[in-house]
Amino acid sequence: MPRWLQVVLAAAFAVSLAWAQEWQVAYSHSVPRESLVFADVAFPSAERGVAVGVIRDNQGRDMQAVALLTSDGGKIWNQVTLEESPLSLFFLDDARGWMVTVQGIWKTEDSGLSWTRLSRHAQNSIERVWFLDSMHGFAVGREKTVLETRNGGVRWDAIPEAAEPTGNPAFTTYTQIAFVDGQRGLIVGSNTPPGSVKGPRQVPTLTVLLQTLNGGVGWAGADMPLFGQVSALKLARSEGLILFTYADTFEVPSEVYRLEVRTGSTTSVFKQKDRLVTGMALFTGQAFLAVTEPKARANPERGKLRMLSTTDFVKWTEMKVDKRAVGARVLLAGPDAEHLWAATDTGMLLKMVPDKKVDKK
């Protein structure tokens, strides 16, 4: 490799250790012979937050679906029982939110204290929802499913453009949806035929996407052969982040691309052989990554947790993290870059706070 290219790559994937903020454990499920696996977390404001997941016994069997709620920025957490296992959350504001479960879509108007079923669907067919306002929303999922509601989720109609990208619908799932504003939105997914993510080497699969520039009145579909599966999508004004996760045989476990919303161009901004990105947060001028260090790619449980931040998408700053924080999957959520939270699949909720040691200087 030429020396100039080594320098460029070293700068692109550098991680510095300038701790200005740190992550502290604010909640940890510590009931003997139980584990709490968080599926998603939402913090629509600095004070109110909701984390949903499933409590399992020491044999790994599901026991109870629950939601943890806070109205004081994480000082006190209240547990609410859910009727079905949750998959994802979307909140429009402090009070109004939607939850996708394994069998339906639910709505809350009291910050997660109570939930009302809006619709039923086939097992795991819907992955997540996004609402532009209290009435107008979208749902995405398996078999090229994209649905639209104009009455708050009581009725859902299929969007025909979702079938435009090539690939067998049986193996195609739209997993991510995000809007920049009330007009510009993006839906992304993958076509994954059997055997495409297994075997001695990973082969390219189809990444499928839909884009709207008019609030969902019309959608344009496209597809492209790429390695990996789309695991997360974040948009903020003119830019976005797309997370790809790769098979065990690939050279890196994951890769983050920066998206220029206006042109659609992408640039790789983070990948490392020993670090698996599982969560992202993006705000104007700043981005965060939740990264684990799995002991083995094939068995990533209880990997050490790292948190990274950047303001230029070139240098990533490593943040101080509570040593107790471990997990294979970590999710990030928050209303802004000053009030950020993380939820792990090991029953922990972490809050980003100013580093006291830095403050004293």
Protein backbone atom coordinates (compact mmCIF):
# COMPACT_ATOMS: atom_id res chain seq x y z
CA MET A 1 0.00 0.00 0.00
CA PRO A 2 1.40 3.45 -0.90
CA ARG A 3 2.55 5.55 2.04
CA TRP A 4 0.17 8.41 1.18
CA LEU A 5 -2.80 6.02 1.25
CA GLN A 6 -1.74 4.65 4.63
CA VAL A 7 -1.69 8.17 6.02
CA VAL A 8 -5.14 8.94 4.62
CA LEU A 9 -6.63 5.73 6.01
CA ALA A 10 -5.00 6.23 9.39
CA ALA A 11 -6.53 9.69 9.64
CA ALA A 12 -9.93 8.52 8.44
CA PHE A 13 -10.28 5.82 11.08
CA ALA A 14 -8.34 7.42 13.92
CA VAL A 15 -9.82 7.29 17.39
CA SER A 16 -8.57 9.82 19.93
CA LEU A 17 -8.96 9.69 23.70
CA ALA A 18 -10.04 13.21 24.65
CA TRP A 19 -12.73 12.58 27.25
CA ALA A 20 -15.09 15.55 27.64
CA GLN A 21 -18.16 13.45 28.47
CA GLU A 22 -18.68 10.06 30.02
CA TRP A 23 -21.34 7.36 30.09
CA GLN A 24 -22.71 6.24 33.45
CA VAL A 25 -25.02 3.31 34.21
CA ALA A 26 -28.38 4.81 35.24
CA TYR A 27 -30.30 1.52 35.42
CA SER A 28 -29.32 -2.14 35.56
CA HIS A 29 -31.65 -5.13 35.78
CA SER A 30 -30.18 -7.24 38.57
CA VAL A 31 -32.84 -9.82 39.48
CA PRO A 32 -31.27 -13.26 40.17
CA ARG A 33 -31.73 -15.83 37.41
CA GLU A 34 -33.25 -13.21 35.08
CA SER A 35 -32.01 -11.06 32.23
CA LEU A 36 -33.59 -8.05 30.53
CA VAL A 37 -32.94 -7.63 26.81
CA PHE A 38 -33.84 -4.16 25.56
CA ALA A 39 -35.25 -4.06 22.03
CA ASP A 40 -35.45 -0.29 21.63
CA VAL A 41 -35.22 3.01 23.49
CA ALA A 42 -36.72 6.46 22.83
CA PHE A 43 -36.06 9.77 24.54
CA PRO A 44 -38.33 12.40 22.95
CA SER A 45 -37.14 15.00 25.48
CA ALA A 46 -34.43 15.44 28.10
CA GLU A 47 -36.80 14.37 30.86
CA ARG A 48 -39.01 11.67 29.38
CA GLY A 49 -37.77 8.33 28.12
CA VAL A 50 -39.10 4.86 27.31
CA ALA A 51 -37.11 1.63 26.97
CA VAL A 52 -38.86 -1.60 25.94
CA GLY A 53 -37.67 -5.19 26.10
CA VAL A 54 -38.24 -8.73 27.32
CA ILE A 55 -37.33 -10.32 30.65
CA ARG A 56 -35.97 -13.86 30.21
CA ASP A 57 -35.12 -16.63 32.64
CA ASN A 58 -31.69 -18.19 32.94
CA GLN A 59 -32.63 -20.69 30.23
CA GLY A 60 -33.22 -17.88 27.73
CA ARG A 61 -36.99 -18.31 27.66
CA ASP A 62 -39.20 -15.22 27.38
CA MET A 63 -41.07 -14.47 30.61
CA GLN A 64 -42.48 -10.96 30.35
CA ALA A 65 -42.44 -8.01 27.97
CA VAL A 66 -41.91 -4.71 29.80
CA ALA A 67 -41.42 -0.99 29.34
CA LEU A 68 -39.26 1.16 31.62
CA LEU A 69 -40.39 4.77 31.92
CA THR A 70 -38.80 7.91 33.32
CA SER A 71 -40.16 11.44 33.60
CA ASP A 72 -37.21 12.99 35.44
CA GLY A 73 -34.24 12.33 33.19
CA GLY A 74 -33.50 8.85 34.52
CA LYS A 75 -33.49 9.45 38.28
CA ILE A 76 -36.49 7.15 38.74
CA TRP A 77 -37.60 4.34 36.43
CA ASN A 78 -41.07 2.76 36.53
CA GLN A 79 -41.77 -0.66 35.02
CA VAL A 80 -44.93 -1.28 32.96
CA THR A 81 -46.05 -4.70 31.73
CA LEU A 82 -46.61 -5.11 27.98
CA GLU A 83 -48.90 -7.66 26.33
CA GLU A 84 -46.55 -8.53 23.46
CA SER A 85 -42.82 -8.61 22.84
CA PRO A 86 -41.67 -5.23 21.49
CA LEU A 87 -39.56 -4.71 18.38
CA SER A 88 -39.23 -0.92 17.96
CA LEU A 89 -40.44 2.50 19.13
CA PHE A 90 -41.26 5.84 17.56
CA PHE A 91 -42.26 8.96 19.52
CA LEU A 92 -43.68 12.12 17.98
CA ASP A 93 -43.38 14.11 21.22
CA ASP A 94 -43.27 13.59 24.99
CA ALA A 95 -46.68 11.93 25.16
CA ARG A 96 -47.54 10.41 21.77
CA GLY A 97 -45.69 7.31 20.65
CA TRP A 98 -46.05 4.06 18.72
CA MET A 99 -44.66 0.60 19.43
CA VAL A 100 -44.22 -2.24 16.96
CA THR A 101 -44.55 -5.68 18.54
CA VAL A 102 -44.23 -9.17 17.09
CA GLN A 103 -47.93 -9.15 16.23
CA GLY A 104 -49.18 -5.58 16.04
CA ILE A 105 -48.83 -1.83 16.25
CA TRP A 106 -49.69 -0.07 19.52
CA LYS A 107 -50.09 3.58 20.49
CA THR A 108 -49.61 5.53 23.71
CA GLU A 109 -50.79 9.03 24.51
CA ASP A 110 -49.41 9.13 28.06
CA SER A 111 -45.67 8.59 27.55
CA GLY A 112 -45.88 4.80 27.68
CA LEU A 113 -47.96 4.33 30.82
CA SER A 114 -50.70 2.63 28.78
CA TRP A 115 -50.83 1.21 25.28
CA THR A 116 -53.73 0.64 22.87
CA ARG A 117 -53.55 -1.80 19.98
CA LEU A 118 -54.15 -0.14 16.60
CA SER A 119 -53.73 -3.11 14.28
CA ARG A 120 -52.65 -6.72 14.02
CA HIS A 121 -50.23 -8.18 11.51
CA ALA A 122 -48.57 -11.49 10.72
CA GLN A 123 -45.77 -12.61 13.02
CA ASN A 124 -42.80 -10.19 12.72
CA SER A 125 -44.04 -8.80 9.38
CA ILE A 126 -43.66 -5.13 10.46
CA GLU A 127 -40.26 -3.89 11.64
CA ARG A 128 -40.84 -0.23 12.51
CA VAL A 129 -43.00 2.87 11.98
CA TRP A 130 -42.48 6.60 11.42
CA PHE A 131 -45.14 9.29 11.84
CA LEU A 132 -45.05 12.78 10.33
CA ASP A 133 -47.89 13.90 12.59
CA SER A 134 -50.50 12.22 14.79
CA MET A 135 -52.51 11.01 11.77
CA HIS A 136 -50.01 10.45 8.94
CA GLY A 137 -47.54 7.60 9.29
CA PHE A 138 -45.72 4.74 7.58
CA ALA A 139 -44.84 1.14 8.49
CA VAL A 140 -42.13 -1.03 6.91
CA GLY A 141 -41.35 -4.73 7.09
CA ARG A 142 -40.93 -8.11 5.46
CA GLU A 143 -41.85 -9.13 1.90
CA LYS A 144 -41.39 -5.59 0.56
CA THR A 145 -44.07 -4.30 2.90
CA VAL A 146 -44.54 -0.52 3.12
CA LEU A 147 -47.85 0.73 4.50
CA GLU A 148 -49.32 4.21 4.95
CA THR A 149 -51.97 5.48 7.35
CA ARG A 150 -53.86 8.76 7.23
CA ASN A 151 -55.98 8.19 10.34
CA GLY A 152 -53.43 7.56 13.07
CA GLY A 153 -52.94 3.84 12.41
CA VAL A 154 -56.52 2.58 12.39
CA ARG A 155 -56.29 1.76 8.67
CA TRP A 156 -53.14 0.96 6.70
CA ASP A 157 -52.85 0.93 2.89
CA ALA A 158 -50.04 -0.63 0.87
CA ILE A 159 -47.67 1.63 -1.08
CA PRO A 160 -47.34 0.06 -4.56
CA GLU A 161 -43.89 1.56 -5.28
CA ALA A 162 -42.46 -0.70 -2.55
CA ALA A 163 -42.53 -3.58 -5.03
CA GLU A 164 -40.42 -1.76 -7.65
CA PRO A 165 -36.91 -2.76 -6.50
CA THR A 166 -35.85 -6.12 -7.90
CA GLY A 167 -35.45 -9.22 -5.75
CA ASN A 168 -37.74 -11.97 -4.53
CA PRO A 169 -40.23 -10.46 -2.03
CA ALA A 170 -39.93 -13.60 0.12
CA PHE A 171 -36.34 -12.62 0.96
CA THR A 172 -36.70 -8.83 0.95
CA THR A 173 -37.28 -6.78 4.11
CA TYR A 174 -37.48 -3.03 4.55
CA THR A 175 -35.88 -2.55 7.96
CA GLN A 176 -35.26 1.21 8.27
CA ILE A 177 -37.28 4.38 7.71
CA ALA A 178 -36.41 7.99 8.51
CA PHE A 179 -37.50 11.47 7.42
CA VAL A 180 -35.35 14.59 7.30
CA ASP A 181 -38.45 16.78 7.50
CA GLY A 182 -42.10 16.59 6.51
CA GLN A 183 -41.22 16.06 2.85
CA ARG A 184 -37.96 14.14 2.42
CA GLY A 185 -37.86 10.52 3.58
CA LEU A 186 -35.88 7.33 2.98
CA ILE A 187 -36.73 3.65 3.42
CA VAL A 188 -33.91 1.09 3.25
CA GLY A 189 -33.74 -2.69 3.39
CA SER A 190 -32.04 -5.78 2.05
CA ASN A 191 -32.76 -8.75 -0.19
CA THR A 192 -31.11 -11.73 1.49
CA PRO A 193 -31.58 -15.11 -0.26
CA PRO A 194 -30.78 -18.25 1.77
CA GLY A 195 -27.04 -18.85 2.06
CA SER A 196 -25.99 -15.31 1.14
CA VAL A 197 -24.67 -14.53 4.64
CA LYS A 198 -23.20 -17.95 5.39
CA GLY A 199 -20.46 -20.09 3.97
CA PRO A 200 -16.72 -19.49 3.49
CA ARG A 201 -17.18 -15.96 2.15
CA GLN A 202 -19.86 -13.28 2.01
CA VAL A 203 -21.35 -12.48 -1.37
CA PRO A 204 -23.06 -9.24 -2.40
CA THR A 205 -26.78 -8.94 -1.75
CA LEU A 206 -29.30 -6.39 -2.94
CA THR A 207 -29.76 -3.24 -0.90
CA VAL A 208 -33.21 -1.87 -1.68
CA LEU A 209 -34.44 1.66 -1.05
CA LEU A 210 -37.36 4.01 -1.54
CA GLN A 211 -37.17 7.80 -1.50
CA THR A 212 -39.85 10.46 -1.27
CA LEU A 213 -39.50 14.21 -1.74
CA ASN A 214 -43.15 15.10 -1.13
CA GLY A 215 -44.14 13.57 2.20
CA GLY A 216 -45.00 10.17 0.79
CA VAL A 217 -47.28 11.25 -2.03
CA GLY A 218 -44.88 9.47 -4.38
CA TRP A 219 -41.92 7.16 -3.89
CA ALA A 220 -39.01 6.27 -6.19
CA GLY A 221 -37.54 2.80 -5.81
CA ALA A 222 -34.02 1.53 -6.53
CA ASP A 223 -31.71 -1.35 -5.71
CA MET A 224 -27.97 -2.02 -5.84
CA PRO A 225 -25.71 -5.02 -5.12
CA LEU A 226 -23.75 -4.37 -1.92
CA PHE A 227 -22.09 -6.41 0.79
CA GLY A 228 -23.78 -6.62 4.19
CA GLN A 229 -27.16 -5.85 5.70
CA VAL A 230 -28.52 -2.40 6.53
CA SER A 231 -28.78 -2.33 10.34
CA ALA A 232 -29.52 1.33 11.10
CA LEU A 233 -30.36 4.61 9.38
CA LYS A 234 -30.20 8.12 10.83
CA LEU A 235 -31.01 11.40 9.04
CA ALA A 236 -30.43 14.99 10.16
CA ARG A 237 -31.10 17.87 7.76
CA SER A 238 -28.71 17.49 4.82
CA GLU A 239 -26.85 14.36 5.89
CA GLY A 240 -27.35 10.84 7.17
CA LEU A 241 -25.61 7.75 8.50
CA ILE A 242 -26.16 4.21 7.23
CA LEU A 243 -24.85 1.21 9.18
CA PHE A 244 -23.98 -2.00 7.35
CA THR A 245 -23.35 -5.21 9.30
CA TYR A 246 -21.32 -7.99 7.70
CA ALA A 247 -21.04 -11.78 8.02
CA ASP A 248 -18.41 -13.38 10.26
CA THR A 249 -16.20 -14.14 7.27
CA PHE A 250 -15.97 -10.51 6.14
CA GLU A 251 -12.85 -8.44 6.87
CA VAL A 252 -14.70 -6.09 9.25
CA PRO A 253 -17.86 -6.71 11.32
CA SER A 254 -19.56 -3.44 10.36
CA GLU A 255 -19.12 -0.20 8.44
CA VAL A 256 -20.68 3.25 8.75
CA TYR A 257 -21.34 5.37 5.66
CA ARG A 258 -22.07 9.08 5.62
CA LEU A 259 -24.91 9.99 3.25
CA GLU A 260 -25.24 13.33 1.46
CA VAL A 261 -29.03 13.63 1.29
CA ARG A 262 -29.22 16.04 -1.65
CA THR A 263 -27.00 14.06 -4.02
CA GLY A 264 -27.30 10.56 -2.58
CA SER A 265 -23.52 10.13 -2.48
CA THR A 266 -21.99 8.03 0.31
CA THR A 267 -18.57 7.94 1.98
CA SER A 268 -17.23 5.31 4.37
CA VAL A 269 -16.44 7.03 7.69
CA PHE A 270 -15.85 4.21 10.18
CA LYS A 271 -14.80 0.55 10.12
CA GLN A 272 -12.44 -1.44 12.33
CA LYS A 273 -11.67 -5.15 12.45
CA ASP A 274 -12.16 -5.53 16.20
CA ARG A 275 -15.15 -3.21 16.69
CA LEU A 276 -18.80 -3.87 15.91
CA VAL A 277 -21.03 -0.81 15.54
CA THR A 278 -24.56 -1.55 16.80
CA GLY A 279 -26.07 1.89 17.46
CA MET A 280 -25.86 5.41 16.03
CA ALA A 281 -27.11 8.89 16.83
CA LEU A 282 -26.88 11.86 14.46
CA PHE A 283 -27.47 15.54 15.12
CA THR A 284 -26.53 18.60 13.12
CA GLY A 285 -22.77 18.85 13.41
CA GLN A 286 -22.20 15.79 15.61
CA ALA A 287 -22.53 12.01 15.48
CA PHE A 288 -22.18 9.18 18.00
CA LEU A 289 -21.50 5.46 17.63
CA ALA A 290 -22.12 2.64 20.11
CA VAL A 291 -19.43 0.03 19.57
CA THR A 292 -18.78 -3.36 21.15
CA GLU A 293 -15.59 -5.38 21.18
CA PRO A 294 -16.82 -8.95 20.79
CA LYS A 295 -14.54 -11.66 22.13
CA ALA A 296 -15.31 -13.59 18.96
CA ARG A 297 -17.30 -12.64 15.87
CA ALA A 298 -19.30 -15.86 16.12
CA ASN A 299 -20.03 -15.34 19.84
CA PRO A 300 -20.29 -11.60 20.55
CA GLU A 301 -22.06 -11.81 23.92
CA ARG A 302 -20.93 -9.45 26.67
CA GLY A 303 -18.40 -7.59 24.59
CA LYS A 304 -16.82 -4.49 26.09
CA LEU A 305 -18.76 -1.31 25.31
CA ARG A 306 -17.17 1.72 23.64
CA MET A 307 -18.74 5.07 22.75
CA LEU A 308 -17.33 7.28 20.00
CA SER A 309 -18.19 10.79 18.84
CA THR A 310 -17.18 13.03 15.96
CA THR A 311 -17.81 16.52 14.64
CA ASP A 312 -16.02 16.10 11.31
CA PHE A 313 -16.61 12.39 10.45
CA VAL A 314 -12.84 11.96 10.18
CA LYS A 315 -11.54 11.78 13.75
CA TRP A 316 -13.58 9.75 16.23
CA THR A 317 -13.18 10.61 19.91
CA GLU A 318 -13.50 7.80 22.42
CA MET A 319 -15.63 8.65 25.44
CA LYS A 320 -15.27 7.35 28.96
CA VAL A 321 -17.70 4.48 29.70
CA ASP A 322 -18.65 2.79 32.97
CA LYS A 323 -16.57 -0.41 33.20
CA ARG A 324 -19.67 -2.46 34.05
CA ALA A 325 -21.22 -1.74 30.65
CA VAL A 326 -21.13 -4.81 28.39
CA GLY A 327 -23.34 -6.27 25.69
CA ALA A 328 -23.60 -7.54 22.15
CA ARG A 329 -26.13 -4.93 20.98
CA VAL A 330 -26.32 -1.32 22.15
CA LEU A 331 -28.86 1.26 20.95
CA LEU A 332 -28.63 5.06 21.16
CA ALA A 333 -31.43 7.63 21.50
CA GLY A 334 -31.87 11.22 22.60
CA PRO A 335 -33.50 14.52 21.65
CA ASP A 336 -30.18 16.29 21.09
CA ALA A 337 -26.42 15.89 21.40
CA GLU A 338 -26.47 16.93 25.07
CA HIS A 339 -29.07 14.42 26.27
CA LEU A 340 -28.14 11.01 24.94
CA TRP A 341 -28.97 7.53 26.25
CA ALA A 342 -27.90 3.97 25.49
CA ALA A 343 -29.77 0.69 26.04
CA THR A 344 -28.00 -2.67 26.03
CA ASP A 345 -29.17 -6.22 25.50
CA THR A 346 -27.83 -6.95 28.98
CA GLY A 347 -30.45 -4.88 30.80
CA MET A 348 -28.50 -1.66 31.22
CA LEU A 349 -29.44 1.95 30.51
CA LEU A 350 -26.55 4.43 30.32
CA LYS A 351 -26.70 8.22 30.38
CA MET A 352 -24.16 10.57 28.84
CA VAL A 353 -22.99 13.16 31.38
CA PRO A 354 -20.15 15.70 31.60
CA ASP A 355 -16.86 14.18 32.72
CA LYS A 356 -16.21 15.66 36.20
CA LYS A 357 -12.46 15.31 35.80
CA VAL A 358 -12.54 17.42 32.67
CA ASP A 359 -14.84 20.00 34.27
CA LYS A 360 -12.39 20.62 37.13
CA LYS A 361 -9.62 21.74 34.82
